Amino acid sequence: MKAMTSVIDLQQPRVPLVRLVKVEIRKMLDTRAGFWLAMSMVILSALITIGVLVVGDLPDLTFGNFFGLMNIPLSLLLPVLAILLVTSEWNQRTAMVTFSLEPKRSRVIIAKFVTAIIAAIAAVAVALAFGAIGNIIAGVLYDAPAGDWHMTTSGLVNSFLIQLIGLLEGFGFAMLLMNSAAAIVLFFILPQLWSVLVQIVPWLREHVQEWADLELAQIPLQGGDWMSGEQWERLAVAFVIWVVVPSVAGLVRLLRSEVK
């Protein structure tokens, strides 16, 4: 009985998932690279707002256009932030500490995933905020149609989906490679290599590209209308190829990799 009591006393209570998420958010922003990457999103959004106000035509000075333009740099930087969130444990050799404090790796991965989703929501919120600021200033400085607030619900949802897909793709590549530089290079280079390949091989371009090209499948999301059923099907197939497959393979590797 005493031995059993001693074993029970030695068991540590499980770290709450909320606390793990808070730790991951702090780690995401505490590093120099993570902090400046997040600041770059804010700075670029401000610069785009100023640039559109200065050189944009009156039809371009609307809330929807401000918001849409700011999603372009965010869609490039947000996946990098997700990659650094996953690979920092292995690049900085802190995995031993992290998995000692929380031995169940799946809970750490879930915390990182939730943190990445929060980052995506925050990025869209930043774009909305600067879009609103730019639109208010445009409405004060210029005549109509500048300052128009019209934006469809589908346009907002589509913009969030673009950010989310890019983030999840980066998250998957990060788990698969567990190296920041390799994951970032592969994330940006591999789609370009695929584009070159389909141009060289006509059969791929005619029969495979529309179902296996994630960037091509996301083009309808850039508009303000809901996608058709066939467009959703193409996006789903491309999503499985570019996001689900690397994520599943990366998850298996991350759970089984030896911590050094």
Protein backbone atom coordinates (compact mmCIF):
# COMPACT_ATOMS: atom_id res chain seq x y z
CA MET A 1 0.00 0.00 0.00
CA LYS A 2 2.82 2.40 0.85
CA ALA A 3 4.57 1.61 -2.44
CA MET A 4 1.38 2.30 -4.38
CA THR A 5 0.91 5.58 -2.52
CA SER A 6 4.46 6.61 -3.36
CA VAL A 7 3.86 5.92 -7.06
CA ILE A 8 0.68 7.96 -7.03
CA ASP A 9 2.45 10.81 -5.23
CA LEU A 10 5.19 10.84 -7.87
CA GLN A 11 2.69 11.22 -10.71
CA GLN A 12 2.59 14.77 -11.98
CA PRO A 13 -0.73 16.36 -12.95
CA ARG A 14 -1.20 16.82 -16.68
CA VAL A 15 -0.40 20.30 -17.99
CA PRO A 16 -3.66 21.97 -19.13
CA LEU A 17 -3.94 22.40 -22.88
CA VAL A 18 -4.74 26.10 -22.44
CA ARG A 19 -1.42 26.57 -20.66
CA LEU A 20 0.40 24.72 -23.44
CA VAL A 21 -1.20 27.03 -26.02
CA LYS A 22 -0.16 30.11 -24.00
CA VAL A 23 3.40 28.78 -23.87
CA GLU A 24 3.43 28.19 -27.64
CA ILE A 25 2.11 31.70 -28.31
CA ARG A 26 4.84 33.11 -26.10
CA LYS A 27 7.52 31.01 -27.81
CA MET A 28 6.21 32.06 -31.21
CA LEU A 29 6.65 35.76 -30.41
CA ASP A 30 9.60 35.66 -28.00
CA THR A 31 12.16 34.62 -30.62
CA ARG A 32 13.73 37.35 -32.73
CA ALA A 33 12.62 35.73 -36.00
CA GLY A 34 9.05 35.15 -34.81
CA PHE A 35 8.70 38.65 -33.36
CA TRP A 36 9.92 40.44 -36.47
CA LEU A 37 7.89 38.18 -38.73
CA ALA A 38 4.76 39.13 -36.82
CA MET A 39 5.78 42.80 -36.87
CA SER A 40 6.41 42.54 -40.62
CA MET A 41 2.76 41.60 -41.13
CA VAL A 42 1.65 44.73 -39.30
CA ILE A 43 4.21 46.97 -41.04
CA LEU A 44 3.36 45.62 -44.50
CA SER A 45 -0.35 46.10 -43.86
CA ALA A 46 0.30 49.73 -42.89
CA LEU A 47 2.50 50.33 -45.95
CA ILE A 48 -0.08 48.81 -48.30
CA THR A 49 -2.78 51.01 -46.77
CA ILE A 50 -0.66 54.13 -47.30
CA GLY A 51 0.34 53.07 -50.81
CA VAL A 52 -3.24 52.48 -51.94
CA LEU A 53 -4.34 55.80 -50.45
CA VAL A 54 -1.57 57.64 -52.32
CA VAL A 55 -1.57 55.99 -55.75
CA GLY A 56 -4.86 54.07 -55.92
CA ASP A 57 -7.72 55.04 -58.20
CA LEU A 58 -11.06 55.98 -56.66
CA PRO A 59 -12.72 52.60 -57.45
CA ASP A 60 -9.83 50.87 -55.61
CA LEU A 61 -10.29 52.86 -52.39
CA THR A 62 -12.89 50.55 -50.86
CA PHE A 63 -12.92 48.33 -47.80
CA GLY A 64 -13.01 45.12 -49.81
CA ASN A 65 -10.05 46.14 -51.97
CA PHE A 66 -7.96 47.28 -48.99
CA PHE A 67 -8.65 43.99 -47.23
CA GLY A 68 -7.96 41.89 -50.33
CA LEU A 69 -4.60 43.53 -51.07
CA MET A 70 -3.35 43.06 -47.52
CA ASN A 71 -4.08 39.35 -47.69
CA ILE A 72 -1.35 38.91 -50.33
CA PRO A 73 1.71 39.50 -48.09
CA LEU A 74 -0.03 37.84 -45.14
CA SER A 75 -0.53 34.66 -47.19
CA LEU A 76 3.26 34.56 -47.75
CA LEU A 77 4.38 35.35 -44.20
CA LEU A 78 1.84 33.38 -42.18
CA PRO A 79 3.02 29.93 -43.40
CA VAL A 80 6.59 30.90 -42.47
CA LEU A 81 5.38 31.76 -38.97
CA ALA A 82 3.72 28.33 -38.74
CA ILE A 83 6.92 26.64 -39.94
CA LEU A 84 9.02 28.40 -37.29
CA LEU A 85 6.44 27.49 -34.66
CA VAL A 86 6.93 23.78 -35.36
CA THR A 87 10.63 23.61 -36.19
CA SER A 88 11.93 25.88 -33.42
CA GLU A 89 11.95 22.96 -30.97
CA TRP A 90 14.37 21.03 -33.18
CA ASN A 91 16.51 23.90 -34.50
CA GLN A 92 17.14 25.39 -31.05
CA ARG A 93 17.42 21.95 -29.38
CA THR A 94 14.67 22.69 -26.87
CA ALA A 95 12.65 19.57 -27.74
CA MET A 96 14.15 17.69 -24.80
CA VAL A 97 12.86 20.29 -22.36
CA THR A 98 9.45 20.59 -24.03
CA PHE A 99 8.78 16.87 -24.17
CA SER A 100 10.10 16.37 -20.65
CA LEU A 101 7.58 18.85 -19.29
CA GLU A 102 4.84 17.32 -21.49
CA PRO A 103 5.85 13.76 -22.46
CA LYS A 104 2.79 13.22 -24.63
CA ARG A 105 3.97 14.75 -27.91
CA SER A 106 0.51 14.71 -29.46
CA ARG A 107 -0.67 17.30 -26.90
CA VAL A 108 2.26 19.59 -27.77
CA ILE A 109 1.43 19.25 -31.47
CA ILE A 110 -2.24 20.05 -30.77
CA ALA A 111 -1.16 23.14 -28.83
CA LYS A 112 1.03 24.25 -31.72
CA PHE A 113 -1.83 23.64 -34.17
CA VAL A 114 -4.25 25.71 -32.06
CA THR A 115 -1.63 28.46 -31.83
CA ALA A 116 -1.27 28.44 -35.62
CA ILE A 117 -5.06 28.81 -36.02
CA ILE A 118 -5.02 31.72 -33.58
CA ALA A 119 -2.24 33.30 -35.65
CA ALA A 120 -4.37 32.94 -38.80
CA ILE A 121 -7.35 34.59 -37.12
CA ALA A 122 -5.09 37.38 -35.82
CA ALA A 123 -3.66 37.94 -39.32
CA VAL A 124 -7.15 38.29 -40.81
CA ALA A 125 -8.09 40.62 -37.95
CA VAL A 126 -5.05 42.80 -38.72
CA ALA A 127 -6.05 42.93 -42.38
CA LEU A 128 -9.61 43.89 -41.44
CA ALA A 129 -8.41 46.57 -39.03
CA PHE A 130 -6.07 48.24 -41.52
CA GLY A 131 -8.68 47.84 -44.25
CA ALA A 132 -11.16 49.71 -42.07
CA ILE A 133 -8.62 52.44 -41.24
CA GLY A 134 -7.70 52.89 -44.89
CA ASN A 135 -11.34 52.98 -45.94
CA ILE A 136 -12.23 55.61 -43.33
CA ILE A 137 -9.35 57.83 -44.47
CA ALA A 138 -10.31 57.31 -48.13
CA GLY A 139 -13.90 58.30 -47.36
CA VAL A 140 -12.69 61.51 -45.73
CA LEU A 141 -10.14 62.49 -48.40
CA TYR A 142 -11.89 61.43 -51.61
CA ASP A 143 -15.31 61.37 -53.22
CA ALA A 144 -17.42 58.26 -53.84
CA PRO A 145 -16.96 55.41 -54.57
CA ALA A 146 -13.96 55.78 -52.24
CA GLY A 147 -14.86 54.77 -48.71
CA ASP A 148 -17.41 52.17 -49.76
CA TRP A 149 -17.87 49.49 -47.07
CA HIS A 150 -19.44 46.79 -49.20
CA MET A 151 -17.83 43.37 -48.86
CA THR A 152 -19.56 40.04 -49.27
CA THR A 153 -19.56 37.35 -46.59
CA SER A 154 -18.16 34.94 -49.15
CA GLY A 155 -15.24 37.31 -49.77
CA LEU A 156 -14.38 37.36 -46.06
CA VAL A 157 -14.67 33.58 -45.73
CA ASN A 158 -12.63 33.01 -48.90
CA SER A 159 -9.86 35.27 -47.62
CA PHE A 160 -9.70 33.39 -44.33
CA LEU A 161 -9.60 30.05 -46.18
CA ILE A 162 -6.64 31.23 -48.27
CA GLN A 163 -4.73 32.14 -45.11
CA LEU A 164 -5.71 28.89 -43.39
CA ILE A 165 -4.74 26.66 -46.32
CA GLY A 166 -1.31 28.27 -46.65
CA LEU A 167 -0.75 28.02 -42.91
CA LEU A 168 -1.72 24.34 -42.78
CA GLU A 169 0.51 23.58 -45.75
CA GLY A 170 3.47 25.20 -44.01
CA PHE A 171 2.59 23.39 -40.78
CA GLY A 172 2.61 20.05 -42.61
CA PHE A 173 5.95 20.67 -44.34
CA ALA A 174 7.43 21.74 -41.00
CA MET A 175 6.39 18.50 -39.28
CA LEU A 176 7.69 16.46 -42.21
CA LEU A 177 11.15 18.06 -42.36
CA MET A 178 11.57 19.42 -38.79
CA ASN A 179 14.05 21.99 -40.12
CA SER A 180 13.21 25.66 -40.63
CA ALA A 181 15.36 26.37 -43.69
CA ALA A 182 14.43 23.15 -45.49
CA ALA A 183 10.71 23.56 -44.80
CA ILE A 184 10.64 27.21 -45.93
CA VAL A 185 12.58 26.48 -49.12
CA LEU A 186 10.44 23.46 -49.97
CA PHE A 187 7.22 25.37 -49.23
CA PHE A 188 8.07 28.06 -51.77
CA ILE A 189 10.11 26.09 -54.33
CA LEU A 190 8.12 22.87 -54.70
CA PRO A 191 4.96 24.54 -56.12
CA GLN A 192 7.14 26.42 -58.60
CA LEU A 193 8.85 23.21 -59.68
CA TRP A 194 5.44 21.61 -60.12
CA SER A 195 4.33 24.53 -62.32
CA VAL A 196 7.43 24.11 -64.49
CA LEU A 197 6.83 20.37 -64.73
CA VAL A 198 3.24 20.70 -65.94
CA GLN A 199 4.37 23.18 -68.59
CA ILE A 200 6.98 20.72 -69.84
CA VAL A 201 4.67 17.67 -69.80
CA PRO A 202 1.44 18.45 -71.71
CA TRP A 203 -0.35 15.35 -70.36
CA LEU A 204 0.06 16.59 -66.79
CA ARG A 205 -1.20 20.03 -67.77
CA GLU A 206 -4.30 18.63 -69.49
CA HIS A 207 -5.29 15.83 -67.12
CA VAL A 208 -3.69 16.37 -63.71
CA GLN A 209 -2.95 20.05 -63.06
CA GLU A 210 -6.49 21.24 -62.36
CA TRP A 211 -6.85 18.54 -59.67
CA ALA A 212 -3.33 18.53 -58.23
CA ASP A 213 -2.32 22.22 -58.31
CA LEU A 214 -3.22 23.83 -54.98
CA GLU A 215 -2.43 27.39 -56.12
CA LEU A 216 -4.61 26.95 -59.21
CA ALA A 217 -7.43 25.48 -57.10
CA GLN A 218 -7.35 28.53 -54.80
CA ILE A 219 -7.82 31.10 -57.58
CA PRO A 220 -11.65 31.07 -57.26
CA LEU A 221 -11.22 31.93 -53.55
CA GLN A 222 -9.70 35.26 -54.56
CA GLY A 223 -13.07 36.46 -55.81
CA GLY A 224 -16.05 37.62 -53.80
CA ASP A 225 -18.39 34.76 -54.75
CA TRP A 226 -18.88 31.26 -53.40
CA MET A 227 -17.13 28.52 -55.34
CA SER A 228 -19.07 25.93 -57.34
CA GLY A 229 -19.27 22.28 -56.37
CA GLU A 230 -16.66 21.21 -58.92
CA GLN A 231 -14.29 23.94 -57.75
CA TRP A 232 -14.66 22.70 -54.15
CA GLU A 233 -13.91 19.17 -55.33
CA ARG A 234 -10.71 20.28 -57.08
CA LEU A 235 -9.64 22.25 -54.01
CA ALA A 236 -10.32 19.23 -51.77
CA VAL A 237 -8.20 16.90 -53.94
CA ALA A 238 -5.32 19.39 -54.13
CA PHE A 239 -5.61 20.00 -50.37
CA VAL A 240 -5.21 16.29 -49.68
CA ILE A 241 -2.10 16.11 -51.90
CA TRP A 242 -0.33 19.23 -50.62
CA VAL A 243 -1.56 19.46 -47.02
CA VAL A 244 -3.02 16.21 -45.68
CA VAL A 245 -0.38 13.81 -47.04
CA PRO A 246 2.66 15.82 -45.80
CA SER A 247 0.89 16.48 -42.47
CA VAL A 248 0.13 12.81 -41.81
CA ALA A 249 3.65 11.72 -42.81
CA GLY A 250 5.13 14.55 -40.75
CA LEU A 251 2.99 13.72 -37.73
CA VAL A 252 4.17 10.11 -37.80
CA ARG A 253 7.79 11.21 -38.10
CA LEU A 254 7.53 13.80 -35.35
CA LEU A 255 5.90 11.36 -32.93
CA ARG A 256 8.56 8.72 -33.54
CA SER A 257 11.70 10.85 -33.91
CA GLU A 258 14.39 10.49 -31.30
CA VAL A 259 14.78 13.60 -29.18
CA LYS A 260 18.43 14.67 -28.91
